[in-house]
Amino acid sequence: MKIQDAGMAVVAAPPEAAEAIARTIVEKKLAACAQVTAPITSVYWWKGAVQEGPERLILLKTERGRIPRIRDLLKSIHPYEVPELIFLPVTAGGDAYLAWLSEVMAV
């Protein structure tokens, strides 16, 4: 994998679903690693009003080419009508870590 293909995808999920979503994505080799944050409070616009609620962020170490498959999987396993999925490209990183990421994603 070239460094320009490496990145981190971010998914927000309800606290009770986040770990299962993370595990499913990693088990399907769509990400080399998933980190699930402690609960956070999200404040956002939804259906014409400001909403607030607990969420957890799932940080996925992955590659750009797997985003369409992650997006398709989220449609079937994520409880939200419109799940968050954004991709942040890696512009630099530790050589050993990027080599590990490349090795794991080479499936």
PDB file of N, CA and C in Angstrom:
ATOM      1  N   MET A   1       0.840  -1.170   0.000  1.00  0.00           N
ATOM      2  CA  MET A   1       0.000   0.000   0.000  1.00  0.00           C
ATOM      3  C   MET A   1       0.888   1.237   0.000  1.00  0.00           C
ATOM      4  N   LYS A   2       0.530   2.191  -0.805  1.00  0.00           N
ATOM      5  CA  LYS A   2       1.245   3.460  -0.831  1.00  0.00           C
ATOM      6  C   LYS A   2       0.711   4.348   0.282  1.00  0.00           C
ATOM      7  N   ILE A   3       1.576   5.201   0.822  1.00  0.00           N
ATOM      8  CA  ILE A   3       1.148   6.068   1.925  1.00  0.00           C
ATOM      9  C   ILE A   3      -0.061   6.904   1.541  1.00  0.00           C
ATOM     10  N   GLN A   4      -0.182   7.298   0.293  1.00  0.00           N
ATOM     11  CA  GLN A   4      -1.329   8.117  -0.094  1.00  0.00           C
ATOM     12  C   GLN A   4      -2.642   7.340  -0.052  1.00  0.00           C
ATOM     13  N   ASP A   5      -2.571   6.007   0.057  1.00  0.00           N
ATOM     14  CA  ASP A   5      -3.777   5.191   0.181  1.00  0.00           C
ATOM     15  C   ASP A   5      -4.166   4.954   1.638  1.00  0.00           C
ATOM     16  N   ALA A   6      -3.243   5.154   2.560  1.00  0.00           N
ATOM     17  CA  ALA A   6      -3.492   4.901   3.977  1.00  0.00           C
ATOM     18  C   ALA A   6      -4.286   6.043   4.586  1.00  0.00           C
ATOM     19  N   GLY A   7      -5.091   5.699   5.571  1.00  0.00           N
ATOM     20  CA  GLY A   7      -5.849   6.746   6.234  1.00  0.00           C
ATOM     21  C   GLY A   7      -6.610   6.236   7.428  1.00  0.00           C
ATOM     22  N   MET A   8      -7.350   7.149   8.013  1.00  0.00           N
ATOM     23  CA  MET A   8      -8.191   6.810   9.142  1.00  0.00           C
ATOM     24  C   MET A   8      -9.623   7.184   8.787  1.00  0.00           C
ATOM     25  N   ALA A   9     -10.501   6.220   8.933  1.00  0.00           N
ATOM     26  CA  ALA A   9     -11.925   6.472   8.752  1.00  0.00           C
ATOM     27  C   ALA A   9     -12.536   6.672  10.128  1.00  0.00           C
ATOM     28  N   VAL A  10     -13.480   7.589  10.212  1.00  0.00           N
ATOM     29  CA  VAL A  10     -14.144   7.899  11.468  1.00  0.00           C
ATOM     30  C   VAL A  10     -15.629   7.577  11.318  1.00  0.00           C
ATOM     31  N   VAL A  11     -16.136   6.825  12.287  1.00  0.00           N
ATOM     32  CA  VAL A  11     -17.543   6.449  12.320  1.00  0.00           C
ATOM     33  C   VAL A  11     -18.065   6.773  13.714  1.00  0.00           C
ATOM     34  N   ALA A  12     -19.185   7.450  13.810  1.00  0.00           N
ATOM     35  CA  ALA A  12     -19.834   7.675  15.101  1.00  0.00           C
ATOM     36  C   ALA A  12     -20.954   6.648  15.243  1.00  0.00           C
ATOM     37  N   ALA A  13     -21.136   6.158  16.469  1.00  0.00           N
ATOM     38  CA  ALA A  13     -22.160   5.140  16.700  1.00  0.00           C
ATOM     39  C   ALA A  13     -22.705   5.268  18.114  1.00  0.00           C
ATOM     40  N   PRO A  14     -23.899   4.736  18.341  1.00  0.00           N
ATOM     41  CA  PRO A  14     -24.408   4.730  19.704  1.00  0.00           C
ATOM     42  C   PRO A  14     -23.503   3.880  20.591  1.00  0.00           C
ATOM     43  N   PRO A  15     -23.354   4.237  21.858  1.00  0.00           N
ATOM     44  CA  PRO A  15     -22.438   3.513  22.743  1.00  0.00           C
ATOM     45  C   PRO A  15     -22.660   1.998  22.757  1.00  0.00           C
ATOM     46  N   GLU A  16     -23.914   1.571  22.705  1.00  0.00           N
ATOM     47  CA  GLU A  16     -24.203   0.136  22.795  1.00  0.00           C
ATOM     48  C   GLU A  16     -23.883  -0.636  21.516  1.00  0.00           C
ATOM     49  N   ALA A  17     -23.635   0.050  20.409  1.00  0.00           N
ATOM     50  CA  ALA A  17     -23.365  -0.627  19.138  1.00  0.00           C
ATOM     51  C   ALA A  17     -21.929  -0.488  18.657  1.00  0.00           C
ATOM     52  N   ALA A  18     -21.175   0.444  19.209  1.00  0.00           N
ATOM     53  CA  ALA A  18     -19.868   0.803  18.653  1.00  0.00           C
ATOM     54  C   ALA A  18     -18.874  -0.354  18.622  1.00  0.00           C
ATOM     55  N   GLU A  19     -18.732  -1.086  19.709  1.00  0.00           N
ATOM     56  CA  GLU A  19     -17.734  -2.159  19.734  1.00  0.00           C
ATOM     57  C   GLU A  19     -18.070  -3.273  18.755  1.00  0.00           C
ATOM     58  N   ALA A  20     -19.327  -3.615  18.616  1.00  0.00           N
ATOM     59  CA  ALA A  20     -19.716  -4.664  17.664  1.00  0.00           C
ATOM     60  C   ALA A  20     -19.457  -4.218  16.229  1.00  0.00           C
ATOM     61  N   ILE A  21     -19.735  -2.955  15.926  1.00  0.00           N
ATOM     62  CA  ILE A  21     -19.456  -2.430  14.590  1.00  0.00           C
ATOM     63  C   ILE A  21     -17.955  -2.472  14.317  1.00  0.00           C
ATOM     64  N   ALA A  22     -17.154  -2.028  15.279  1.00  0.00           N
ATOM     65  CA  ALA A  22     -15.696  -2.034  15.116  1.00  0.00           C
ATOM     66  C   ALA A  22     -15.178  -3.446  14.879  1.00  0.00           C
ATOM     67  N   ARG A  23     -15.631  -4.389  15.679  1.00  0.00           N
ATOM     68  CA  ARG A  23     -15.172  -5.781  15.545  1.00  0.00           C
ATOM     69  C   ARG A  23     -15.549  -6.356  14.181  1.00  0.00           C
ATOM     70  N   THR A  24     -16.757  -6.101  13.733  1.00  0.00           N
ATOM     71  CA  THR A  24     -17.189  -6.617  12.435  1.00  0.00           C
ATOM     72  C   THR A  24     -16.317  -6.081  11.309  1.00  0.00           C
ATOM     73  N   ILE A  25     -16.022  -4.787  11.342  1.00  0.00           N
ATOM     74  CA  ILE A  25     -15.199  -4.186  10.292  1.00  0.00           C
ATOM     75  C   ILE A  25     -13.798  -4.789  10.285  1.00  0.00           C
ATOM     76  N   VAL A  26     -13.204  -4.980  11.454  1.00  0.00           N
ATOM     77  CA  VAL A  26     -11.856  -5.565  11.522  1.00  0.00           C
ATOM     78  C   VAL A  26     -11.892  -7.035  11.111  1.00  0.00           C
ATOM     79  N   GLU A  27     -12.872  -7.786  11.581  1.00  0.00           N
ATOM     80  CA  GLU A  27     -12.967  -9.204  11.213  1.00  0.00           C
ATOM     81  C   GLU A  27     -13.094  -9.396   9.712  1.00  0.00           C
ATOM     82  N   LYS A  28     -13.751  -8.477   9.036  1.00  0.00           N
ATOM     83  CA  LYS A  28     -13.912  -8.570   7.578  1.00  0.00           C
ATOM     84  C   LYS A  28     -12.713  -8.001   6.827  1.00  0.00           C
ATOM     85  N   LYS A  29     -11.645  -7.654   7.564  1.00  0.00           N
ATOM     86  CA  LYS A  29     -10.403  -7.123   6.984  1.00  0.00           C
ATOM     87  C   LYS A  29     -10.620  -5.830   6.207  1.00  0.00           C
ATOM     88  N   LEU A  30     -11.612  -5.047   6.644  1.00  0.00           N
ATOM     89  CA  LEU A  30     -11.828  -3.740   6.033  1.00  0.00           C
ATOM     90  C   LEU A  30     -11.019  -2.667   6.731  1.00  0.00           C
ATOM     91  N   ALA A  31     -10.463  -3.010   7.884  1.00  0.00           N
ATOM     92  CA  ALA A  31      -9.548  -2.137   8.616  1.00  0.00           C
ATOM     93  C   ALA A  31      -8.555  -3.022   9.355  1.00  0.00           C
ATOM     94  N   ALA A  32      -7.350  -2.525   9.521  1.00  0.00           N
ATOM     95  CA  ALA A  32      -6.327  -3.272  10.264  1.00  0.00           C
ATOM     96  C   ALA A  32      -6.544  -3.149  11.761  1.00  0.00           C
ATOM     97  N   CYS A  33      -7.167  -2.053  12.177  1.00  0.00           N
ATOM     98  CA  CYS A  33      -7.341  -1.761  13.594  1.00  0.00           C
ATOM     99  C   CYS A  33      -8.533  -0.835  13.746  1.00  0.00           C
ATOM    100  N   ALA A  34      -9.244  -1.007  14.843  1.00  0.00           N
ATOM    101  CA  ALA A  34     -10.324  -0.084  15.190  1.00  0.00           C
ATOM    102  C   ALA A  34     -10.167   0.303  16.647  1.00  0.00           C
ATOM    103  N   GLN A  35     -10.264   1.569  16.903  1.00  0.00           N
ATOM    104  CA  GLN A  35     -10.249   2.066  18.277  1.00  0.00           C
ATOM    105  C   GLN A  35     -11.600   2.690  18.560  1.00  0.00           C
ATOM    106  N   VAL A  36     -12.172   2.326  19.706  1.00  0.00           N
ATOM    107  CA  VAL A  36     -13.472   2.844  20.113  1.00  0.00           C
ATOM    108  C   VAL A  36     -13.245   3.763  21.312  1.00  0.00           C
ATOM    109  N   THR A  37     -13.659   4.998  21.172  1.00  0.00           N
ATOM    110  CA  THR A  37     -13.439   5.976  22.229  1.00  0.00           C
ATOM    111  C   THR A  37     -14.412   5.779  23.385  1.00  0.00           C
ATOM    112  N   ALA A  38     -14.107   6.446  24.473  1.00  0.00           N
ATOM    113  CA  ALA A  38     -15.048   6.535  25.587  1.00  0.00           C
ATOM    114  C   ALA A  38     -16.275   7.312  25.098  1.00  0.00           C
ATOM    115  N   PRO A  39     -17.383   7.188  25.768  1.00  0.00           N
ATOM    116  CA  PRO A  39     -18.573   7.936  25.337  1.00  0.00           C
ATOM    117  C   PRO A  39     -18.313   9.446  25.281  1.00  0.00           C
ATOM    118  N   ILE A  40     -18.889  10.058  24.281  1.00  0.00           N
ATOM    119  CA  ILE A  40     -18.828  11.498  24.081  1.00  0.00           C
ATOM    120  C   ILE A  40     -20.260  12.009  23.938  1.00  0.00           C
ATOM    121  N   THR A  41     -20.433  13.292  23.983  1.00  0.00           N
ATOM    122  CA  THR A  41     -21.736  13.895  23.707  1.00  0.00           C
ATOM    123  C   THR A  41     -21.647  14.598  22.370  1.00  0.00           C
ATOM    124  N   SER A  42     -22.540  14.255  21.464  1.00  0.00           N
ATOM    125  CA  SER A  42     -22.592  14.907  20.157  1.00  0.00           C
ATOM    126  C   SER A  42     -23.777  15.860  20.125  1.00  0.00           C
ATOM    127  N   VAL A  43     -23.562  17.033  19.554  1.00  0.00           N
ATOM    128  CA  VAL A  43     -24.600  18.036  19.350  1.00  0.00           C
ATOM    129  C   VAL A  43     -24.642  18.275  17.846  1.00  0.00           C
ATOM    130  N   TYR A  44     -25.818  18.119  17.229  1.00  0.00           N
ATOM    131  CA  TYR A  44     -25.884  18.124  15.771  1.00  0.00           C
ATOM    132  C   TYR A  44     -27.288  18.498  15.292  1.00  0.00           C
ATOM    133  N   TRP A  45     -27.336  18.943  14.038  1.00  0.00           N
ATOM    134  CA  TRP A  45     -28.621  19.211  13.392  1.00  0.00           C
ATOM    135  C   TRP A  45     -29.162  17.908  12.836  1.00  0.00           C
ATOM    136  N   TRP A  46     -30.440  17.638  13.059  1.00  0.00           N
ATOM    137  CA  TRP A  46     -31.089  16.466  12.478  1.00  0.00           C
ATOM    138  C   TRP A  46     -32.568  16.756  12.344  1.00  0.00           C
ATOM    139  N   LYS A  47     -33.063  16.665  11.130  1.00  0.00           N
ATOM    140  CA  LYS A  47     -34.476  16.857  10.824  1.00  0.00           C
ATOM    141  C   LYS A  47     -34.994  18.195  11.355  1.00  0.00           C
ATOM    142  N   GLY A  48     -34.207  19.257  11.091  1.00  0.00           N
ATOM    143  CA  GLY A  48     -34.644  20.604  11.372  1.00  0.00           C
ATOM    144  C   GLY A  48     -34.484  21.096  12.794  1.00  0.00           C
ATOM    145  N   ALA A  49     -33.838  20.303  13.639  1.00  0.00           N
ATOM    146  CA  ALA A  49     -33.665  20.727  15.029  1.00  0.00           C
ATOM    147  C   ALA A  49     -32.298  20.302  15.553  1.00  0.00           C
ATOM    148  N   VAL A  50     -31.825  21.024  16.546  1.00  0.00           N
ATOM    149  CA  VAL A  50     -30.566  20.651  17.192  1.00  0.00           C
ATOM    150  C   VAL A  50     -30.853  19.489  18.140  1.00  0.00           C
ATOM    151  N   GLN A  51     -30.083  18.434  17.991  1.00  0.00           N
ATOM    152  CA  GLN A  51     -30.213  17.232  18.809  1.00  0.00           C
ATOM    153  C   GLN A  51     -28.956  17.078  19.655  1.00  0.00           C
ATOM    154  N   GLU A  52     -29.045  16.261  20.684  1.00  0.00           N
ATOM    155  CA  GLU A  52     -27.889  15.974  21.527  1.00  0.00           C
ATOM    156  C   GLU A  52     -28.021  14.542  22.024  1.00  0.00           C
ATOM    157  N   GLY A  53     -26.896  13.826  22.036  1.00  0.00           N
ATOM    158  CA  GLY A  53     -26.947  12.469  22.541  1.00  0.00           C
ATOM    159  C   GLY A  53     -25.576  11.853  22.688  1.00  0.00           C
ATOM    160  N   PRO A  54     -25.507  10.731  23.416  1.00  0.00           N
ATOM    161  CA  PRO A  54     -24.233  10.046  23.617  1.00  0.00           C
ATOM    162  C   PRO A  54     -23.829   9.254  22.368  1.00  0.00           C
ATOM    163  N   GLU A  55     -22.549   9.259  22.078  1.00  0.00           N
ATOM    164  CA  GLU A  55     -21.996   8.471  20.980  1.00  0.00           C
ATOM    165  C   GLU A  55     -20.604   8.007  21.374  1.00  0.00           C
ATOM    166  N   ARG A  56     -20.076   7.094  20.591  1.00  0.00           N
ATOM    167  CA  ARG A  56     -18.674   6.713  20.678  1.00  0.00           C
ATOM    168  C   ARG A  56     -18.121   6.826  19.267  1.00  0.00           C
ATOM    169  N   LEU A  57     -16.874   7.242  19.161  1.00  0.00           N
ATOM    170  CA  LEU A  57     -16.223   7.300  17.854  1.00  0.00           C
ATOM    171  C   LEU A  57     -15.459   6.013  17.618  1.00  0.00           C
ATOM    172  N   ILE A  58     -15.536   5.532  16.397  1.00  0.00           N
ATOM    173  CA  ILE A  58     -14.756   4.380  15.966  1.00  0.00           C
ATOM    174  C   ILE A  58     -13.717   4.923  14.991  1.00  0.00           C
ATOM    175  N   LEU A  59     -12.442   4.761  15.328  1.00  0.00           N
ATOM    176  CA  LEU A  59     -11.346   5.223  14.486  1.00  0.00           C
ATOM    177  C   LEU A  59     -10.763   4.006  13.785  1.00  0.00           C
ATOM    178  N   LEU A  60     -10.906   3.957  12.484  1.00  0.00           N
ATOM    179  CA  LEU A  60     -10.486   2.807  11.687  1.00  0.00           C
ATOM    180  C   LEU A  60      -9.200   3.099  10.941  1.00  0.00           C
ATOM    181  N   LYS A  61      -8.176   2.266  11.138  1.00  0.00           N
ATOM    182  CA  LYS A  61      -6.938   2.372  10.362  1.00  0.00           C
ATOM    183  C   LYS A  61      -7.146   1.510   9.125  1.00  0.00           C
ATOM    184  N   THR A  62      -7.189   2.139   7.967  1.00  0.00           N
ATOM    185  CA  THR A  62      -7.586   1.434   6.761  1.00  0.00           C
ATOM    186  C   THR A  62      -6.939   2.063   5.535  1.00  0.00           C
ATOM    187  N   GLU A  63      -7.467   1.741   4.376  1.00  0.00           N
ATOM    188  CA  GLU A  63      -6.989   2.344   3.134  1.00  0.00           C
ATOM    189  C   GLU A  63      -8.176   2.866   2.332  1.00  0.00           C
ATOM    190  N   ARG A  64      -7.917   3.863   1.551  1.00  0.00           N
ATOM    191  CA  ARG A  64      -8.958   4.544   0.778  1.00  0.00           C
ATOM    192  C   ARG A  64      -9.822   3.567  -0.034  1.00  0.00           C
ATOM    193  N   GLY A  65      -9.223   2.578  -0.623  1.00  0.00           N
ATOM    194  CA  GLY A  65      -9.955   1.652  -1.485  1.00  0.00           C
ATOM    195  C   GLY A  65     -10.990   0.797  -0.770  1.00  0.00           C
ATOM    196  N   ARG A  66     -10.932   0.731   0.548  1.00  0.00           N
ATOM    197  CA  ARG A  66     -11.902  -0.078   1.298  1.00  0.00           C
ATOM    198  C   ARG A  66     -13.114   0.728   1.768  1.00  0.00           C
ATOM    199  N   ILE A  67     -13.082   2.016   1.563  1.00  0.00           N
ATOM    200  CA  ILE A  67     -14.181   2.864   2.034  1.00  0.00           C
ATOM    201  C   ILE A  67     -15.524   2.469   1.412  1.00  0.00           C
ATOM    202  N   PRO A  68     -15.612   2.191   0.111  1.00  0.00           N
ATOM    203  CA  PRO A  68     -16.919   1.783  -0.425  1.00  0.00           C
ATOM    204  C   PRO A  68     -17.469   0.517   0.258  1.00  0.00           C
ATOM    205  N   ARG A  69     -16.607  -0.436   0.574  1.00  0.00           N
ATOM    206  CA  ARG A  69     -17.071  -1.656   1.249  1.00  0.00           C
ATOM    207  C   ARG A  69     -17.469  -1.372   2.694  1.00  0.00           C
ATOM    208  N   ILE A  70     -16.740  -0.482   3.367  1.00  0.00           N
ATOM    209  CA  ILE A  70     -17.121  -0.089   4.723  1.00  0.00           C
ATOM    210  C   ILE A  70     -18.481   0.612   4.679  1.00  0.00           C
ATOM    211  N   ARG A  71     -18.661   1.509   3.719  1.00  0.00           N
ATOM    212  CA  ARG A  71     -19.930   2.226   3.576  1.00  0.00           C
ATOM    213  C   ARG A  71     -21.086   1.248   3.356  1.00  0.00           C
ATOM    214  N   ASP A  72     -20.884   0.255   2.492  1.00  0.00           N
ATOM    215  CA  ASP A  72     -21.935  -0.732   2.228  1.00  0.00           C
ATOM    216  C   ASP A  72     -22.237  -1.566   3.469  1.00  0.00           C
ATOM    217  N   LEU A  73     -21.197  -1.956   4.196  1.00  0.00           N
ATOM    218  CA  LEU A  73     -21.393  -2.734   5.410  1.00  0.00           C
ATOM    219  C   LEU A  73     -22.152  -1.923   6.458  1.00  0.00           C
ATOM    220  N   LEU A  74     -21.804  -0.650   6.618  1.00  0.00           N
ATOM    221  CA  LEU A  74     -22.492   0.188   7.599  1.00  0.00           C
ATOM    222  C   LEU A  74     -23.988   0.277   7.314  1.00  0.00           C
ATOM    223  N   LYS A  75     -24.371   0.247   6.044  1.00  0.00           N
ATOM    224  CA  LYS A  75     -25.800   0.295   5.700  1.00  0.00           C
ATOM    225  C   LYS A  75     -26.560  -0.868   6.327  1.00  0.00           C
ATOM    226  N   SER A  76     -25.887  -2.008   6.494  1.00  0.00           N
ATOM    227  CA  SER A  76     -26.582  -3.181   7.021  1.00  0.00           C
ATOM    228  C   SER A  76     -26.386  -3.410   8.520  1.00  0.00           C
ATOM    229  N   ILE A  77     -25.331  -2.845   9.130  1.00  0.00           N
ATOM    230  CA  ILE A  77     -25.077  -3.145  10.546  1.00  0.00           C
ATOM    231  C   ILE A  77     -25.200  -1.936  11.462  1.00  0.00           C
ATOM    232  N   HIS A  78     -25.285  -0.747  10.915  1.00  0.00           N
ATOM    233  CA  HIS A  78     -25.317   0.466  11.735  1.00  0.00           C
ATOM    234  C   HIS A  78     -26.766   0.866  12.001  1.00  0.00           C
ATOM    235  N   PRO A  79     -27.090   1.219  13.250  1.00  0.00           N
ATOM    236  CA  PRO A  79     -28.483   1.557  13.548  1.00  0.00           C
ATOM    237  C   PRO A  79     -28.942   2.930  13.058  1.00  0.00           C
ATOM    238  N   TYR A  80     -28.029   3.809  12.670  1.00  0.00           N
ATOM    239  CA  TYR A  80     -28.437   5.146  12.237  1.00  0.00           C
ATOM    240  C   TYR A  80     -28.966   5.132  10.811  1.00  0.00           C
ATOM    241  N   GLU A  81     -29.906   6.020  10.546  1.00  0.00           N
ATOM    242  CA  GLU A  81     -30.417   6.212   9.191  1.00  0.00           C
ATOM    243  C   GLU A  81     -29.321   6.750   8.275  1.00  0.00           C
ATOM    244  N   VAL A  82     -28.483   7.649   8.812  1.00  0.00           N
ATOM    245  CA  VAL A  82     -27.371   8.242   8.059  1.00  0.00           C
ATOM    246  C   VAL A  82     -26.113   8.139   8.921  1.00  0.00           C
ATOM    247  N   PRO A  83     -25.404   7.006   8.854  1.00  0.00           N
ATOM    248  CA  PRO A  83     -24.197   6.880   9.674  1.00  0.00           C
ATOM    249  C   PRO A  83     -23.064   7.781   9.171  1.00  0.00           C
ATOM    250  N   GLU A  84     -22.316   8.331  10.128  1.00  0.00           N
ATOM    251  CA  GLU A  84     -21.131   9.110   9.776  1.00  0.00           C
ATOM    252  C   GLU A  84     -20.049   8.175   9.260  1.00  0.00           C
ATOM    253  N   LEU A  85     -19.426   8.559   8.161  1.00  0.00           N
ATOM    254  CA  LEU A  85     -18.234   7.879   7.656  1.00  0.00           C
ATOM    255  C   LEU A  85     -17.424   8.920   6.911  1.00  0.00           C
ATOM    256  N   ILE A  86     -16.270   9.256   7.466  1.00  0.00           N
ATOM    257  CA  ILE A  86     -15.360  10.170   6.783  1.00  0.00           C
ATOM    258  C   ILE A  86     -13.982   9.525   6.742  1.00  0.00           C
ATOM    259  N   PHE A  87     -13.203   9.884   5.751  1.00  0.00           N
ATOM    260  CA  PHE A  87     -11.859   9.326   5.567  1.00  0.00           C
ATOM    261  C   PHE A  87     -10.847  10.451   5.625  1.00  0.00           C
ATOM    262  N   LEU A  88      -9.849  10.295   6.484  1.00  0.00           N
ATOM    263  CA  LEU A  88      -8.777  11.274   6.628  1.00  0.00           C
ATOM    264  C   LEU A  88      -7.486  10.638   6.126  1.00  0.00           C
ATOM    265  N   PRO A  89      -6.907  11.141   5.046  1.00  0.00           N
ATOM    266  CA  PRO A  89      -5.691  10.530   4.513  1.00  0.00           C
ATOM    267  C   PRO A  89      -4.488  10.747   5.424  1.00  0.00           C
ATOM    268  N   VAL A  90      -3.600   9.775   5.425  1.00  0.00           N
ATOM    269  CA  VAL A  90      -2.331   9.878   6.158  1.00  0.00           C
ATOM    270  C   VAL A  90      -1.339  10.596   5.255  1.00  0.00           C
ATOM    271  N   THR A  91      -0.677  11.592   5.793  1.00  0.00           N
ATOM    272  CA  THR A  91       0.341  12.303   5.020  1.00  0.00           C
ATOM    273  C   THR A  91       1.747  11.978   5.517  1.00  0.00           C
ATOM    274  N   ALA A  92       1.836  11.411   6.714  1.00  0.00           N
ATOM    275  CA  ALA A  92       3.124  10.992   7.272  1.00  0.00           C
ATOM    276  C   ALA A  92       2.834  10.059   8.433  1.00  0.00           C
ATOM    277  N   GLY A  93       3.855   9.285   8.814  1.00  0.00           N
ATOM    278  CA  GLY A  93       3.677   8.380   9.943  1.00  0.00           C
ATOM    279  C   GLY A  93       4.933   7.592  10.203  1.00  0.00           C
ATOM    280  N   GLY A  94       4.884   6.778  11.240  1.00  0.00           N
ATOM    281  CA  GLY A  94       6.011   5.924  11.569  1.00  0.00           C
ATOM    282  C   GLY A  94       6.197   4.840  10.518  1.00  0.00           C
ATOM    283  N   ASP A  95       7.411   4.643  10.066  1.00  0.00           N
ATOM    284  CA  ASP A  95       7.685   3.657   9.018  1.00  0.00           C
ATOM    285  C   ASP A  95       7.231   2.262   9.413  1.00  0.00           C
ATOM    286  N   ALA A  96       7.552   1.831  10.634  1.00  0.00           N
ATOM    287  CA  ALA A  96       7.183   0.486  11.075  1.00  0.00           C
ATOM    288  C   ALA A  96       5.668   0.332  11.150  1.00  0.00           C
ATOM    289  N   TYR A  97       4.980   1.357  11.647  1.00  0.00           N
ATOM    290  CA  TYR A  97       3.521   1.287  11.742  1.00  0.00           C
ATOM    291  C   TYR A  97       2.899   1.217  10.353  1.00  0.00           C
ATOM    292  N   LEU A  98       3.364   2.044   9.433  1.00  0.00           N
ATOM    293  CA  LEU A  98       2.813   2.036   8.079  1.00  0.00           C
ATOM    294  C   LEU A  98       3.118   0.724   7.364  1.00  0.00           C
ATOM    295  N   ALA A  99       4.271   0.122   7.655  1.00  0.00           N
ATOM    296  CA  ALA A  99       4.593  -1.188   7.078  1.00  0.00           C
ATOM    297  C   ALA A  99       3.630  -2.239   7.617  1.00  0.00           C
ATOM    298  N   TRP A 100       3.337  -2.191   8.925  1.00  0.00           N
ATOM    299  CA  TRP A 100       2.382  -3.123   9.519  1.00  0.00           C
ATOM    300  C   TRP A 100       1.004  -2.940   8.892  1.00  0.00           C
ATOM    301  N   LEU A 101       0.571  -1.712   8.760  1.00  0.00           N
ATOM    302  CA  LEU A 101      -0.730  -1.425   8.158  1.00  0.00           C
ATOM    303  C   LEU A 101      -0.796  -1.993   6.751  1.00  0.00           C
ATOM    304  N   SER A 102       0.240  -1.781   5.981  1.00  0.00           N
ATOM    305  CA  SER A 102       0.300  -2.290   4.623  1.00  0.00           C
ATOM    306  C   SER A 102       0.238  -3.803   4.590  1.00  0.00           C
ATOM    307  N   GLU A 103       0.958  -4.450   5.504  1.00  0.00           N
ATOM    308  CA  GLU A 103       0.973  -5.916   5.571  1.00  0.00           C
ATOM    309  C   GLU A 103      -0.414  -6.458   5.901  1.00  0.00           C
ATOM    310  N   VAL A 104      -1.063  -5.888   6.884  1.00  0.00           N
ATOM    311  CA  VAL A 104      -2.382  -6.368   7.295  1.00  0.00           C
ATOM    312  C   VAL A 104      -3.416  -6.128   6.203  1.00  0.00           C
ATOM    313  N   MET A 105      -3.334  -5.008   5.512  1.00  0.00           N
ATOM    314  CA  MET A 105      -4.330  -4.668   4.496  1.00  0.00           C
ATOM    315  C   MET A 105      -4.072  -5.353   3.162  1.00  0.00           C
ATOM    316  N   ALA A 106      -2.973  -6.079   3.025  1.00  0.00           N
ATOM    317  CA  ALA A 106      -2.617  -6.711   1.750  1.00  0.00           C
ATOM    318  C   ALA A 106      -3.373  -8.014   1.522  1.00  0.00           C
ATOM    319  N   VAL A 107      -4.598  -8.073   1.949  1.00  0.00           N
ATOM    320  CA  VAL A 107      -5.397  -9.304   1.788  1.00  0.00           C
ATOM    321  C   VAL A 107      -6.310  -9.155   0.608  1.00  0.00           C
TER     322      VAL A 107
END
